[in-house]
Structures are given as structure tokens and as C-alpha cells.
């Protein structure tokens, strides 16, 4: 549930997409196949997202938006506190939509 929630929350932030080469098609869980892995111990989670960034987006800002969104969503939906969200950007691709910070999207 933590991996699914993290993946869905990350997908809502524009500018990043799952990294296709980091998607393990042999993995037993569909979540691991989407470039999201989580380790949950004692009610706390460490999450890793393997992603591709859209060209031109401010990667540190987008990664910070992803960290905030994932941490809030996992805590709200699963009751698990998130210690770390590692956003590993492996490549840059052509943008699908113009980047807007998460704060502006809520207006």
C-alpha cells in the first residue's frame, strides 16, 4: 500500500515520470515494476523513486514537490511516517506539459 500510494502521489506532480529502464518487469510486485520501492519498518518508511525529468523543469524544485506530496499522501492514507523519499533522476526527456510548482496548482 505504501508503494502504491507513493507512486500515485508522485504521478500527480508534473515534470517527472517513472524511468522505464529502472522498471523491473521481473519484480514480483507491480509497484516495483513502476520504479517505486519502499521499505517499511516500525511504522516508518524509506521510499525510492526512479524517474525521468522533463527538459527545462527545475529538478530540485520538482523533487522537493514530490517529496512533500509523497510524504503527506503516505501518512494521510497509510498512517506511516516517511523518513526519506529518494528521488533518483536518471534522464531528461521532452516535456509533456509546462511545469508549475505544486503550490500554484492548488490555486
C-alpha atoms as a PDB file:
ATOM      1  CA  UNK A   1       0.000   0.000   0.000  1.00  0.00           C
ATOM      2  CA  UNK A   2       2.859   2.413   0.762  1.00  0.00           C
ATOM      3  CA  UNK A   3       4.472   1.899  -2.650  1.00  0.00           C
ATOM      4  CA  UNK A   4       1.165   2.311  -4.468  1.00  0.00           C
ATOM      5  CA  UNK A   5       0.315   5.497  -2.564  1.00  0.00           C
ATOM      6  CA  UNK A   6       3.810   6.901  -3.130  1.00  0.00           C
ATOM      7  CA  UNK A   7       3.645   6.160  -6.857  1.00  0.00           C
ATOM      8  CA  UNK A   8       0.225   7.732  -7.264  1.00  0.00           C
ATOM      9  CA  UNK A   9       1.224  10.833  -5.279  1.00  0.00           C
ATOM     10  CA  UNK A  10       4.416  11.245  -7.308  1.00  0.00           C
ATOM     11  CA  UNK A  11       2.485  10.889 -10.565  1.00  0.00           C
ATOM     12  CA  UNK A  12       0.356  13.909  -9.635  1.00  0.00           C
ATOM     13  CA  UNK A  13       3.412  16.201  -9.644  1.00  0.00           C
ATOM     14  CA  UNK A  14       4.177  17.389 -13.183  1.00  0.00           C
ATOM     15  CA  UNK A  15       7.709  17.264 -14.531  1.00  0.00           C
ATOM     16  CA  UNK A  16       8.738  13.732 -13.525  1.00  0.00           C
ATOM     17  CA  UNK A  17       7.814  10.300 -14.898  1.00  0.00           C
ATOM     18  CA  UNK A  18       8.807   6.721 -13.994  1.00  0.00           C
ATOM     19  CA  UNK A  19      12.137   5.712 -15.516  1.00  0.00           C
ATOM     20  CA  UNK A  20      11.415   2.868 -17.968  1.00  0.00           C
ATOM     21  CA  UNK A  21      14.836   1.235 -17.638  1.00  0.00           C
ATOM     22  CA  UNK A  22      14.504   1.157 -13.847  1.00  0.00           C
ATOM     23  CA  UNK A  23      11.183  -0.595 -14.071  1.00  0.00           C
ATOM     24  CA  UNK A  24      11.866  -4.209 -13.168  1.00  0.00           C
ATOM     25  CA  UNK A  25       9.471  -6.298 -15.218  1.00  0.00           C
ATOM     26  CA  UNK A  26      10.596  -9.426 -13.367  1.00  0.00           C
ATOM     27  CA  UNK A  27       9.749  -7.959  -9.963  1.00  0.00           C
ATOM     28  CA  UNK A  28       7.043  -9.848  -8.102  1.00  0.00           C
ATOM     29  CA  UNK A  29       5.039  -6.709  -7.315  1.00  0.00           C
ATOM     30  CA  UNK A  30       3.536  -4.307  -9.817  1.00  0.00           C
ATOM     31  CA  UNK A  31       4.707  -1.400  -7.638  1.00  0.00           C
ATOM     32  CA  UNK A  32       8.353  -2.333  -8.052  1.00  0.00           C
ATOM     33  CA  UNK A  33       7.726  -2.541 -11.770  1.00  0.00           C
ATOM     34  CA  UNK A  34       6.696   1.139 -11.722  1.00  0.00           C
ATOM     35  CA  UNK A  35      10.007   2.408 -10.368  1.00  0.00           C
ATOM     36  CA  UNK A  36       8.819   2.788  -6.762  1.00  0.00           C
ATOM     37  CA  UNK A  37      10.275   0.850  -3.882  1.00  0.00           C
ATOM     38  CA  UNK A  38       9.621   1.270  -0.180  1.00  0.00           C
ATOM     39  CA  UNK A  39      10.991  -0.227   2.984  1.00  0.00           C
ATOM     40  CA  UNK A  40       8.673   0.000   5.961  1.00  0.00           C
ATOM     41  CA  UNK A  41       9.984  -0.803   9.427  1.00  0.00           C
ATOM     42  CA  UNK A  42       8.408   0.018  12.765  1.00  0.00           C
ATOM     43  CA  UNK A  43       5.764   2.260  11.201  1.00  0.00           C
ATOM     44  CA  UNK A  44       8.276   4.377   9.260  1.00  0.00           C
ATOM     45  CA  UNK A  45       9.098   4.281   5.554  1.00  0.00           C
ATOM     46  CA  UNK A  46      12.050   4.934   3.286  1.00  0.00           C
ATOM     47  CA  UNK A  47      10.918   5.369  -0.321  1.00  0.00           C
ATOM     48  CA  UNK A  48      12.869   5.446  -3.584  1.00  0.00           C
ATOM     49  CA  UNK A  49      11.510   6.748  -6.877  1.00  0.00           C
ATOM     50  CA  UNK A  50      13.416   6.184 -10.135  1.00  0.00           C
ATOM     51  CA  UNK A  51      12.334   8.885 -12.575  1.00  0.00           C
ATOM     52  CA  UNK A  52      12.950  10.841 -15.767  1.00  0.00           C
ATOM     53  CA  UNK A  53      12.613  14.639 -15.653  1.00  0.00           C
ATOM     54  CA  UNK A  54      11.052  16.780 -18.350  1.00  0.00           C
ATOM     55  CA  UNK A  55      13.604  19.025 -20.056  1.00  0.00           C
ATOM     56  CA  UNK A  56      13.581  22.524 -18.622  1.00  0.00           C
ATOM     57  CA  UNK A  57      11.971  21.799 -15.274  1.00  0.00           C
ATOM     58  CA  UNK A  58      13.853  22.911 -12.167  1.00  0.00           C
ATOM     59  CA  UNK A  59      14.752  19.424 -10.944  1.00  0.00           C
ATOM     60  CA  UNK A  60      15.495  20.357  -7.308  1.00  0.00           C
ATOM     61  CA  UNK A  61      12.124  22.136  -7.017  1.00  0.00           C
ATOM     62  CA  UNK A  62      10.197  19.307  -8.665  1.00  0.00           C
ATOM     63  CA  UNK A  63      11.966  16.724  -6.493  1.00  0.00           C
ATOM     64  CA  UNK A  64      11.063  18.772  -3.396  1.00  0.00           C
ATOM     65  CA  UNK A  65       7.418  18.875  -4.565  1.00  0.00           C
ATOM     66  CA  UNK A  66       7.493  15.087  -4.995  1.00  0.00           C
ATOM     67  CA  UNK A  67       8.998  14.575  -1.535  1.00  0.00           C
ATOM     68  CA  UNK A  68       6.307  16.733   0.091  1.00  0.00           C
ATOM     69  CA  UNK A  69       3.464  15.123  -1.878  1.00  0.00           C
ATOM     70  CA  UNK A  70       4.633  11.560  -1.224  1.00  0.00           C
ATOM     71  CA  UNK A  71       5.262  12.125   2.482  1.00  0.00           C
ATOM     72  CA  UNK A  72       1.872  13.745   3.025  1.00  0.00           C
ATOM     73  CA  UNK A  73      -0.035  11.157   0.987  1.00  0.00           C
ATOM     74  CA  UNK A  74       1.597   8.125   2.611  1.00  0.00           C
ATOM     75  CA  UNK A  75       0.974   9.491   6.100  1.00  0.00           C
ATOM     76  CA  UNK A  76      -2.623  10.506   5.323  1.00  0.00           C
ATOM     77  CA  UNK A  77      -3.613   7.254   3.611  1.00  0.00           C
ATOM     78  CA  UNK A  78      -1.463   4.630   5.315  1.00  0.00           C
ATOM     79  CA  UNK A  79      -0.634   6.230   8.660  1.00  0.00           C
ATOM     80  CA  UNK A  80       3.060   5.589   8.014  1.00  0.00           C
ATOM     81  CA  UNK A  81       5.575   8.346   8.652  1.00  0.00           C
ATOM     82  CA  UNK A  82       8.063   8.822   5.827  1.00  0.00           C
ATOM     83  CA  UNK A  83      11.684   9.304   6.853  1.00  0.00           C
ATOM     84  CA  UNK A  84      13.167   9.648   3.363  1.00  0.00           C
ATOM     85  CA  UNK A  85      11.989   9.992  -0.199  1.00  0.00           C
ATOM     86  CA  UNK A  86      14.907   9.499  -2.557  1.00  0.00           C
ATOM     87  CA  UNK A  87      14.130  10.885  -6.000  1.00  0.00           C
ATOM     88  CA  UNK A  88      16.691   9.437  -8.417  1.00  0.00           C
ATOM     89  CA  UNK A  89      16.581  11.334 -11.716  1.00  0.00           C
ATOM     90  CA  UNK A  90      18.173   9.116 -14.365  1.00  0.00           C
ATOM     91  CA  UNK A  91      17.434  11.033 -17.550  1.00  0.00           C
ATOM     92  CA  UNK A  92      15.807  14.096 -19.103  1.00  0.00           C
ATOM     93  CA  UNK A  93      13.048  13.929 -21.709  1.00  0.00           C
ATOM     94  CA  UNK A  94      10.896  16.221 -23.767  1.00  0.00           C
ATOM     95  CA  UNK A  95       8.239  17.871 -21.558  1.00  0.00           C
ATOM     96  CA  UNK A  96       4.612  16.819 -21.752  1.00  0.00           C
ATOM     97  CA  UNK A  97       3.170  19.908 -20.005  1.00  0.00           C
ATOM     98  CA  UNK A  98       4.725  23.163 -18.777  1.00  0.00           C
ATOM     99  CA  UNK A  99       5.979  22.947 -15.194  1.00  0.00           C
ATOM    100  CA  UNK A 100       4.015  24.707 -12.463  1.00  0.00           C
ATOM    101  CA  UNK A 101       5.048  24.436  -8.797  1.00  0.00           C
ATOM    102  CA  UNK A 102       2.700  22.378  -6.659  1.00  0.00           C
ATOM    103  CA  UNK A 103       1.629  25.463  -4.693  1.00  0.00           C
ATOM    104  CA  UNK A 104       0.410  27.179  -7.881  1.00  0.00           C
ATOM    105  CA  UNK A 105      -1.584  24.129  -8.979  1.00  0.00           C
ATOM    106  CA  UNK A 106      -3.747  24.363  -5.852  1.00  0.00           C
ATOM    107  CA  UNK A 107      -4.876  27.907  -6.652  1.00  0.00           C
END
